[in-house]
Amino acid sequence: MGIFWDLLQQNELEKQQKQADSVEERVAILEEELSKTKSLLRKTLEALENHLGKDIDGDGLTGAS
């Protein structure tokens, strides 16, 4: 009975490791997408500030990052 219990535990550990790897991959993808989104938002804000000639984000600059 002990060997079956060990096999079940090993199987469960392997499933959990696959899930963890999957979560880590998804987090890495989400972090990359977030970085791209932030970059696009910054470029959009700079273009809008240049177009309007106003400081929208309150950094004291118009169109500069």
C-alpha atoms as a PDB file:
ATOM      1  CA  MET A   1       0.000   0.000   0.000  1.00  0.00           C
ATOM      2  CA  GLY A   2       2.908   2.355   0.722  1.00  0.00           C
ATOM      3  CA  ILE A   3       4.206   2.256  -2.849  1.00  0.00           C
ATOM      4  CA  PHE A   4       0.794   3.211  -4.247  1.00  0.00           C
ATOM      5  CA  TRP A   5       0.580   6.117  -1.836  1.00  0.00           C
ATOM      6  CA  ASP A   6       4.043   7.273  -2.916  1.00  0.00           C
ATOM      7  CA  LEU A   7       3.006   7.067  -6.587  1.00  0.00           C
ATOM      8  CA  LEU A   8      -0.144   9.077  -5.921  1.00  0.00           C
ATOM      9  CA  GLN A   9       1.850  11.728  -4.062  1.00  0.00           C
ATOM     10  CA  GLN A  10       4.439  11.888  -6.862  1.00  0.00           C
ATOM     11  CA  ASN A  11       1.684  12.263  -9.446  1.00  0.00           C
ATOM     12  CA  GLU A  12       0.093  15.083  -7.454  1.00  0.00           C
ATOM     13  CA  LEU A  13       3.449  16.856  -7.092  1.00  0.00           C
ATOM     14  CA  GLU A  14       4.003  16.644 -10.842  1.00  0.00           C
ATOM     15  CA  LYS A  15       0.545  18.096 -11.531  1.00  0.00           C
ATOM     16  CA  GLN A  16       1.208  20.968  -9.157  1.00  0.00           C
ATOM     17  CA  GLN A  17       4.589  21.652 -10.797  1.00  0.00           C
ATOM     18  CA  LYS A  18       2.956  21.804 -14.241  1.00  0.00           C
ATOM     19  CA  GLN A  19       0.344  24.220 -12.925  1.00  0.00           C
ATOM     20  CA  ALA A  20       3.041  26.382 -11.349  1.00  0.00           C
ATOM     21  CA  ASP A  21       5.008  26.419 -14.610  1.00  0.00           C
ATOM     22  CA  SER A  22       1.846  27.349 -16.474  1.00  0.00           C
ATOM     23  CA  VAL A  23       1.109  30.181 -14.037  1.00  0.00           C
ATOM     24  CA  GLU A  24       4.695  31.446 -14.290  1.00  0.00           C
ATOM     25  CA  GLU A  25       4.441  31.465 -18.087  1.00  0.00           C
ATOM     26  CA  ARG A  26       1.138  33.321 -17.976  1.00  0.00           C
ATOM     27  CA  VAL A  27       2.523  35.874 -15.515  1.00  0.00           C
ATOM     28  CA  ALA A  28       5.554  36.450 -17.756  1.00  0.00           C
ATOM     29  CA  ILE A  29       3.283  37.004 -20.764  1.00  0.00           C
ATOM     30  CA  LEU A  30       1.051  39.361 -18.781  1.00  0.00           C
ATOM     31  CA  GLU A  31       4.063  41.327 -17.542  1.00  0.00           C
ATOM     32  CA  GLU A  32       5.300  41.721 -21.117  1.00  0.00           C
ATOM     33  CA  GLU A  33       1.855  42.835 -22.303  1.00  0.00           C
ATOM     34  CA  LEU A  34       1.631  45.307 -19.412  1.00  0.00           C
ATOM     35  CA  SER A  35       5.008  46.766 -20.334  1.00  0.00           C
ATOM     36  CA  LYS A  36       3.921  47.216 -23.954  1.00  0.00           C
ATOM     37  CA  THR A  37       0.627  48.776 -22.855  1.00  0.00           C
ATOM     38  CA  LYS A  38       2.408  51.233 -20.563  1.00  0.00           C
ATOM     39  CA  SER A  39       4.784  52.188 -23.363  1.00  0.00           C
ATOM     40  CA  LEU A  40       1.916  52.770 -25.778  1.00  0.00           C
ATOM     41  CA  LEU A  41       0.028  54.785 -23.153  1.00  0.00           C
ATOM     42  CA  ARG A  42       3.104  56.953 -22.521  1.00  0.00           C
ATOM     43  CA  LYS A  43       3.541  57.611 -26.275  1.00  0.00           C
ATOM     44  CA  THR A  44      -0.161  58.416 -26.620  1.00  0.00           C
ATOM     45  CA  LEU A  45      -0.033  60.805 -23.672  1.00  0.00           C
ATOM     46  CA  GLU A  46       3.042  62.559 -25.072  1.00  0.00           C
ATOM     47  CA  ALA A  47       1.396  62.939 -28.485  1.00  0.00           C
ATOM     48  CA  LEU A  48      -1.792  64.278 -26.879  1.00  0.00           C
ATOM     49  CA  GLU A  49       0.153  66.756 -24.743  1.00  0.00           C
ATOM     50  CA  ASN A  50       2.059  67.935 -27.812  1.00  0.00           C
ATOM     51  CA  HIS A  51      -1.158  68.264 -29.793  1.00  0.00           C
ATOM     52  CA  LEU A  52      -2.981  70.192 -27.073  1.00  0.00           C
ATOM     53  CA  GLY A  53       0.063  72.044 -25.762  1.00  0.00           C
ATOM     54  CA  LYS A  54      -0.996  71.176 -22.189  1.00  0.00           C
ATOM     55  CA  ASP A  55       0.513  69.202 -19.316  1.00  0.00           C
ATOM     56  CA  ILE A  56      -2.071  66.455 -18.812  1.00  0.00           C
ATOM     57  CA  ASP A  57      -0.223  64.120 -16.437  1.00  0.00           C
ATOM     58  CA  GLY A  58       0.976  66.849 -14.081  1.00  0.00           C
ATOM     59  CA  ASP A  59       4.689  66.166 -14.480  1.00  0.00           C
ATOM     60  CA  GLY A  60       5.396  69.819 -15.303  1.00  0.00           C
ATOM     61  CA  LEU A  61       6.377  69.013 -18.884  1.00  0.00           C
ATOM     62  CA  THR A  62       4.455  69.068 -22.117  1.00  0.00           C
ATOM     63  CA  GLY A  63       5.014  66.026 -24.320  1.00  0.00           C
ATOM     64  CA  ALA A  64       8.251  64.890 -22.680  1.00  0.00           C
ATOM     65  CA  SER A  65       8.723  61.738 -20.682  1.00  0.00           C
END
